């Protein structure tokens, strides 16, 4: 499964930008990559984090049964 596009900056730069001005950074990502984008925030060996900003997408995520999602070995279900 292909993840949504996102910044290609190193993870530590993405993390610093998110910490320094989270609303500005997330707004810029939404403007550049659309309603869904991928960030790498937690370190070189951590899984990517996918952000969604469209209300309908967020509603679908929280109302769809977790067994309907495609998860690879690196992902963990939040239960």
Foldseek 3Di string as FASTA:
>chain_A
DDAFAFDPDPQCVLQVVCVVPVVVSVVVRCVVRNQKYWGRHDDDPADIDIHGHDPVVVVCVVPDDPVVDDDDPRDDDDD
